[in-house]
Amino acid sequence: MKFKVKRLVVTLTLLAGLPVYAQEPQGSEFLDLILYRPLGLAATVAGCGAFVALVPFTAFANISPPHDAFDLTADMLIYKPAGFTFDRPVGVLTPDADGRYRRH
């Protein structure tokens, strides 16, 4: 009899906590971890290689004002793929209006 009461108390306690963990699905976490993160890492590594290869051309583009060719090139080839891979919460695939990845 004691065992049944303990089992009932534990079951009710666990069931009472379930709504706390409920959340809206925001993309597929499985696809994010298996597909999108490795592709983002590959894009970051490829972007680093492309940035190094494009340094001479970027230096020529940096001569004329506004002198931000290195910043724009690094942002496009390195920072955006790295942000998608490392700074983004799991399951969030699209950025907000300001360009940051946040879980709502």
N, C-alpha and C. Protein backbone atom coordinates (compact mmCIF):
# COMPACT_ATOMS: atom_id res chain seq x y z
N MET A 1 0.82 -1.20 0.00
CA MET A 1 0.00 0.00 0.00
C MET A 1 0.87 1.26 0.00
N LYS A 2 1.95 1.25 0.79
CA LYS A 2 2.84 2.40 0.83
C LYS A 2 3.49 2.64 -0.53
N PHE A 3 3.84 1.56 -1.19
CA PHE A 3 4.48 1.67 -2.50
C PHE A 3 3.54 2.32 -3.52
N LYS A 4 2.28 1.97 -3.51
CA LYS A 4 1.30 2.54 -4.43
C LYS A 4 1.10 4.03 -4.17
N VAL A 5 1.09 4.42 -2.92
CA VAL A 5 0.93 5.84 -2.57
C VAL A 5 2.14 6.63 -3.04
N LYS A 6 3.34 6.08 -2.83
CA LYS A 6 4.55 6.77 -3.27
C LYS A 6 4.56 6.91 -4.80
N ARG A 7 4.18 5.83 -5.48
CA ARG A 7 4.13 5.86 -6.92
C ARG A 7 3.13 6.91 -7.41
N LEU A 8 1.97 7.00 -6.75
CA LEU A 8 0.96 7.98 -7.11
C LEU A 8 1.47 9.40 -6.89
N VAL A 9 2.14 9.63 -5.77
CA VAL A 9 2.67 10.97 -5.47
C VAL A 9 3.75 11.36 -6.49
N VAL A 10 4.64 10.44 -6.82
CA VAL A 10 5.69 10.74 -7.79
C VAL A 10 5.08 11.01 -9.17
N THR A 11 4.12 10.20 -9.58
CA THR A 11 3.48 10.39 -10.87
C THR A 11 2.76 11.73 -10.95
N LEU A 12 2.02 12.09 -9.92
CA LEU A 12 1.32 13.38 -9.93
C LEU A 12 2.29 14.55 -9.92
N THR A 13 3.39 14.41 -9.21
CA THR A 13 4.39 15.46 -9.18
C THR A 13 5.01 15.67 -10.56
N LEU A 14 5.34 14.57 -11.22
CA LEU A 14 5.90 14.68 -12.57
C LEU A 14 4.90 15.24 -13.57
N LEU A 15 3.67 14.82 -13.47
CA LEU A 15 2.64 15.34 -14.38
C LEU A 15 2.36 16.82 -14.13
N ALA A 16 2.46 17.25 -12.90
CA ALA A 16 2.22 18.66 -12.58
C ALA A 16 3.32 19.55 -13.17
N GLY A 17 4.52 19.02 -13.33
CA GLY A 17 5.63 19.80 -13.87
C GLY A 17 5.70 19.83 -15.37
N LEU A 18 4.94 19.02 -16.07
CA LEU A 18 5.01 18.96 -17.52
C LEU A 18 4.66 20.26 -18.23
N PRO A 19 3.62 20.99 -17.85
CA PRO A 19 3.32 22.23 -18.56
C PRO A 19 4.43 23.27 -18.46
N VAL A 20 5.28 23.18 -17.47
CA VAL A 20 6.39 24.13 -17.33
C VAL A 20 7.37 23.96 -18.48
N TYR A 21 7.55 22.73 -18.94
CA TYR A 21 8.52 22.47 -19.99
C TYR A 21 7.94 22.58 -21.39
N ALA A 22 6.67 22.85 -21.50
CA ALA A 22 6.05 22.97 -22.82
C ALA A 22 6.50 24.28 -23.47
N GLN A 23 6.81 24.20 -24.75
CA GLN A 23 7.20 25.40 -25.48
C GLN A 23 6.76 25.24 -26.93
N GLU A 24 6.67 26.37 -27.61
CA GLU A 24 6.29 26.34 -29.02
C GLU A 24 7.47 25.84 -29.85
N PRO A 25 7.22 24.98 -30.81
CA PRO A 25 8.32 24.54 -31.66
C PRO A 25 8.77 25.68 -32.57
N GLN A 26 10.07 25.94 -32.61
CA GLN A 26 10.63 27.00 -33.45
C GLN A 26 11.66 26.41 -34.39
N GLY A 27 11.25 25.60 -35.30
CA GLY A 27 12.18 24.95 -36.20
C GLY A 27 12.54 23.58 -35.67
N SER A 28 13.26 22.87 -36.43
CA SER A 28 13.62 21.52 -36.06
C SER A 28 15.00 21.52 -35.41
N GLU A 29 15.03 21.19 -34.12
CA GLU A 29 16.31 21.13 -33.42
C GLU A 29 17.19 20.02 -33.97
N PHE A 30 16.56 18.90 -34.37
CA PHE A 30 17.32 17.78 -34.90
C PHE A 30 18.04 18.18 -36.20
N LEU A 31 17.31 18.78 -37.12
CA LEU A 31 17.94 19.23 -38.37
C LEU A 31 18.98 20.31 -38.12
N ASP A 32 18.72 21.14 -37.13
CA ASP A 32 19.67 22.19 -36.80
C ASP A 32 21.00 21.59 -36.36
N LEU A 33 20.96 20.62 -35.47
CA LEU A 33 22.19 20.03 -34.94
C LEU A 33 22.87 19.11 -35.95
N ILE A 34 22.10 18.40 -36.76
CA ILE A 34 22.68 17.42 -37.67
C ILE A 34 23.09 18.04 -39.01
N LEU A 35 22.35 19.02 -39.49
CA LEU A 35 22.59 19.55 -40.83
C LEU A 35 23.09 20.99 -40.84
N TYR A 36 22.35 21.90 -40.20
CA TYR A 36 22.65 23.33 -40.33
C TYR A 36 23.93 23.76 -39.62
N ARG A 37 24.21 23.23 -38.44
CA ARG A 37 25.44 23.61 -37.73
C ARG A 37 26.69 23.14 -38.48
N PRO A 38 26.75 21.87 -38.93
CA PRO A 38 27.94 21.49 -39.71
C PRO A 38 28.10 22.27 -41.01
N LEU A 39 26.98 22.57 -41.68
CA LEU A 39 27.08 23.40 -42.89
C LEU A 39 27.54 24.81 -42.57
N GLY A 40 27.09 25.35 -41.43
CA GLY A 40 27.55 26.67 -41.02
C GLY A 40 29.04 26.68 -40.69
N LEU A 41 29.51 25.60 -40.06
CA LEU A 41 30.95 25.49 -39.77
C LEU A 41 31.75 25.41 -41.07
N ALA A 42 31.26 24.62 -42.03
CA ALA A 42 31.95 24.52 -43.32
C ALA A 42 31.95 25.87 -44.04
N ALA A 43 30.84 26.61 -43.96
CA ALA A 43 30.77 27.93 -44.59
C ALA A 43 31.73 28.91 -43.91
N THR A 44 31.89 28.79 -42.59
CA THR A 44 32.82 29.67 -41.87
C THR A 44 34.25 29.38 -42.29
N VAL A 45 34.62 28.10 -42.37
CA VAL A 45 35.98 27.74 -42.77
C VAL A 45 36.24 28.15 -44.22
N ALA A 46 35.28 27.90 -45.10
CA ALA A 46 35.43 28.30 -46.50
C ALA A 46 35.50 29.83 -46.62
N GLY A 47 34.74 30.54 -45.81
CA GLY A 47 34.78 32.00 -45.83
C GLY A 47 36.11 32.54 -45.36
N CYS A 48 36.71 31.88 -44.37
CA CYS A 48 38.05 32.30 -43.92
C CYS A 48 39.06 32.12 -45.05
N GLY A 49 38.98 30.99 -45.75
CA GLY A 49 39.89 30.77 -46.88
C GLY A 49 39.66 31.77 -48.00
N ALA A 50 38.41 32.05 -48.29
CA ALA A 50 38.11 33.03 -49.34
C ALA A 50 38.57 34.42 -48.94
N PHE A 51 38.42 34.75 -47.66
CA PHE A 51 38.87 36.07 -47.19
C PHE A 51 40.38 36.22 -47.37
N VAL A 52 41.13 35.18 -47.01
CA VAL A 52 42.59 35.23 -47.17
C VAL A 52 42.95 35.35 -48.66
N ALA A 53 42.24 34.62 -49.51
CA ALA A 53 42.53 34.69 -50.94
C ALA A 53 42.17 36.06 -51.54
N LEU A 54 41.17 36.72 -50.97
CA LEU A 54 40.71 38.00 -51.50
C LEU A 54 41.37 39.22 -50.87
N VAL A 55 42.31 39.01 -49.97
CA VAL A 55 42.95 40.15 -49.28
C VAL A 55 43.58 41.13 -50.26
N PRO A 56 44.33 40.71 -51.30
CA PRO A 56 44.90 41.72 -52.20
C PRO A 56 43.83 42.56 -52.92
N PHE A 57 42.76 41.92 -53.36
CA PHE A 57 41.70 42.66 -54.03
C PHE A 57 40.95 43.58 -53.06
N THR A 58 40.79 43.10 -51.84
CA THR A 58 40.13 43.92 -50.82
C THR A 58 40.98 45.13 -50.48
N ALA A 59 42.30 44.96 -50.49
CA ALA A 59 43.18 46.09 -50.22
C ALA A 59 43.04 47.17 -51.29
N PHE A 60 42.90 46.75 -52.55
CA PHE A 60 42.68 47.73 -53.62
C PHE A 60 41.32 48.42 -53.45
N ALA A 61 40.32 47.67 -53.07
CA ALA A 61 38.99 48.26 -52.87
C ALA A 61 38.96 49.18 -51.66
N ASN A 62 39.87 48.97 -50.73
CA ASN A 62 39.90 49.77 -49.51
C ASN A 62 40.56 51.13 -49.72
N ILE A 63 41.19 51.35 -50.86
CA ILE A 63 41.88 52.60 -51.12
C ILE A 63 40.90 53.76 -51.20
N SER A 64 39.79 53.56 -51.90
CA SER A 64 38.83 54.65 -52.06
C SER A 64 37.91 54.73 -50.84
N PRO A 65 37.41 55.95 -50.55
CA PRO A 65 36.50 56.09 -49.40
C PRO A 65 35.25 55.26 -49.60
N PRO A 66 34.63 54.76 -48.61
CA PRO A 66 34.70 55.00 -47.18
C PRO A 66 35.68 54.11 -46.42
N HIS A 67 36.59 53.42 -47.10
CA HIS A 67 37.65 52.63 -46.47
C HIS A 67 37.10 51.53 -45.55
N ASP A 68 36.05 50.87 -45.96
CA ASP A 68 35.48 49.81 -45.11
C ASP A 68 35.38 48.47 -45.85
N ALA A 69 36.21 48.28 -46.86
CA ALA A 69 36.14 47.05 -47.66
C ALA A 69 36.50 45.83 -46.82
N PHE A 70 37.49 45.95 -45.94
CA PHE A 70 37.87 44.81 -45.10
C PHE A 70 36.74 44.46 -44.13
N ASP A 71 36.11 45.46 -43.56
CA ASP A 71 35.00 45.21 -42.64
C ASP A 71 33.83 44.53 -43.34
N LEU A 72 33.47 45.03 -44.53
CA LEU A 72 32.35 44.45 -45.26
C LEU A 72 32.65 43.02 -45.72
N THR A 73 33.87 42.80 -46.19
CA THR A 73 34.24 41.47 -46.67
C THR A 73 34.29 40.47 -45.51
N ALA A 74 34.89 40.87 -44.39
CA ALA A 74 34.96 39.98 -43.23
C ALA A 74 33.57 39.70 -42.67
N ASP A 75 32.71 40.71 -42.68
CA ASP A 75 31.35 40.51 -42.18
C ASP A 75 30.60 39.49 -43.02
N MET A 76 30.73 39.61 -44.34
CA MET A 76 29.99 38.72 -45.24
C MET A 76 30.57 37.31 -45.26
N LEU A 77 31.89 37.18 -45.25
CA LEU A 77 32.50 35.86 -45.42
C LEU A 77 32.79 35.13 -44.11
N ILE A 78 32.97 35.85 -43.00
CA ILE A 78 33.38 35.19 -41.75
C ILE A 78 32.35 35.39 -40.65
N TYR A 79 31.99 36.64 -40.33
CA TYR A 79 31.17 36.92 -39.15
C TYR A 79 29.74 36.39 -39.27
N LYS A 80 29.12 36.53 -40.42
CA LYS A 80 27.74 36.04 -40.56
C LYS A 80 27.65 34.52 -40.50
N PRO A 81 28.50 33.77 -41.21
CA PRO A 81 28.44 32.31 -41.04
C PRO A 81 28.83 31.86 -39.64
N ALA A 82 29.79 32.53 -39.02
CA ALA A 82 30.18 32.16 -37.66
C ALA A 82 29.06 32.47 -36.67
N GLY A 83 28.38 33.58 -36.86
CA GLY A 83 27.25 33.91 -35.99
C GLY A 83 26.11 32.92 -36.15
N PHE A 84 25.87 32.48 -37.39
CA PHE A 84 24.83 31.48 -37.63
C PHE A 84 25.19 30.16 -36.98
N THR A 85 26.47 29.84 -36.95
CA THR A 85 26.91 28.55 -36.40
C THR A 85 27.04 28.57 -34.89
N PHE A 86 27.63 29.60 -34.31
CA PHE A 86 28.01 29.56 -32.91
C PHE A 86 27.16 30.44 -31.98
N ASP A 87 26.60 31.54 -32.46
CA ASP A 87 25.87 32.46 -31.58
C ASP A 87 24.37 32.22 -31.56
N ARG A 88 23.87 31.40 -32.44
CA ARG A 88 22.43 31.20 -32.60
C ARG A 88 21.93 30.14 -31.64
N PRO A 89 20.78 30.39 -30.96
CA PRO A 89 20.18 29.34 -30.13
C PRO A 89 19.71 28.18 -30.99
N VAL A 90 19.73 26.99 -30.42
CA VAL A 90 19.33 25.79 -31.16
C VAL A 90 17.86 25.89 -31.55
N GLY A 91 17.57 25.67 -32.80
CA GLY A 91 16.20 25.69 -33.30
C GLY A 91 15.75 27.01 -33.88
N VAL A 92 16.51 28.08 -33.68
CA VAL A 92 16.16 29.39 -34.22
C VAL A 92 16.93 29.55 -35.53
N LEU A 93 16.19 29.64 -36.64
CA LEU A 93 16.83 29.66 -37.95
C LEU A 93 16.81 31.01 -38.64
N THR A 94 15.98 31.93 -38.20
CA THR A 94 15.90 33.24 -38.85
C THR A 94 16.21 34.33 -37.84
N PRO A 95 16.92 35.36 -38.26
CA PRO A 95 17.24 36.46 -37.35
C PRO A 95 16.07 37.42 -37.18
N ASP A 96 16.16 38.24 -36.14
CA ASP A 96 15.17 39.30 -35.93
C ASP A 96 15.43 40.43 -36.93
N ALA A 97 14.65 41.48 -36.81
CA ALA A 97 14.79 42.63 -37.71
C ALA A 97 16.16 43.29 -37.57
N ASP A 98 16.76 43.22 -36.39
CA ASP A 98 18.07 43.84 -36.18
C ASP A 98 19.22 42.91 -36.56
N GLY A 99 18.92 41.69 -37.04
CA GLY A 99 19.96 40.78 -37.50
C GLY A 99 20.49 39.85 -36.44
N ARG A 100 19.92 39.86 -35.25
CA ARG A 100 20.38 38.97 -34.17
C ARG A 100 19.45 37.78 -34.05
N TYR A 101 20.01 36.66 -33.66
CA TYR A 101 19.23 35.43 -33.47
C TYR A 101 18.80 35.37 -32.01
N ARG A 102 17.49 35.31 -31.79
CA ARG A 102 16.95 35.25 -30.42
C ARG A 102 15.81 34.25 -30.37
N ARG A 103 15.67 33.61 -29.23
CA ARG A 103 14.53 32.74 -28.96
C ARG A 103 13.46 33.60 -28.32
N HIS A 104 12.27 33.58 -28.87
CA HIS A 104 11.18 34.42 -28.36
C HIS A 104 10.41 33.72 -27.29
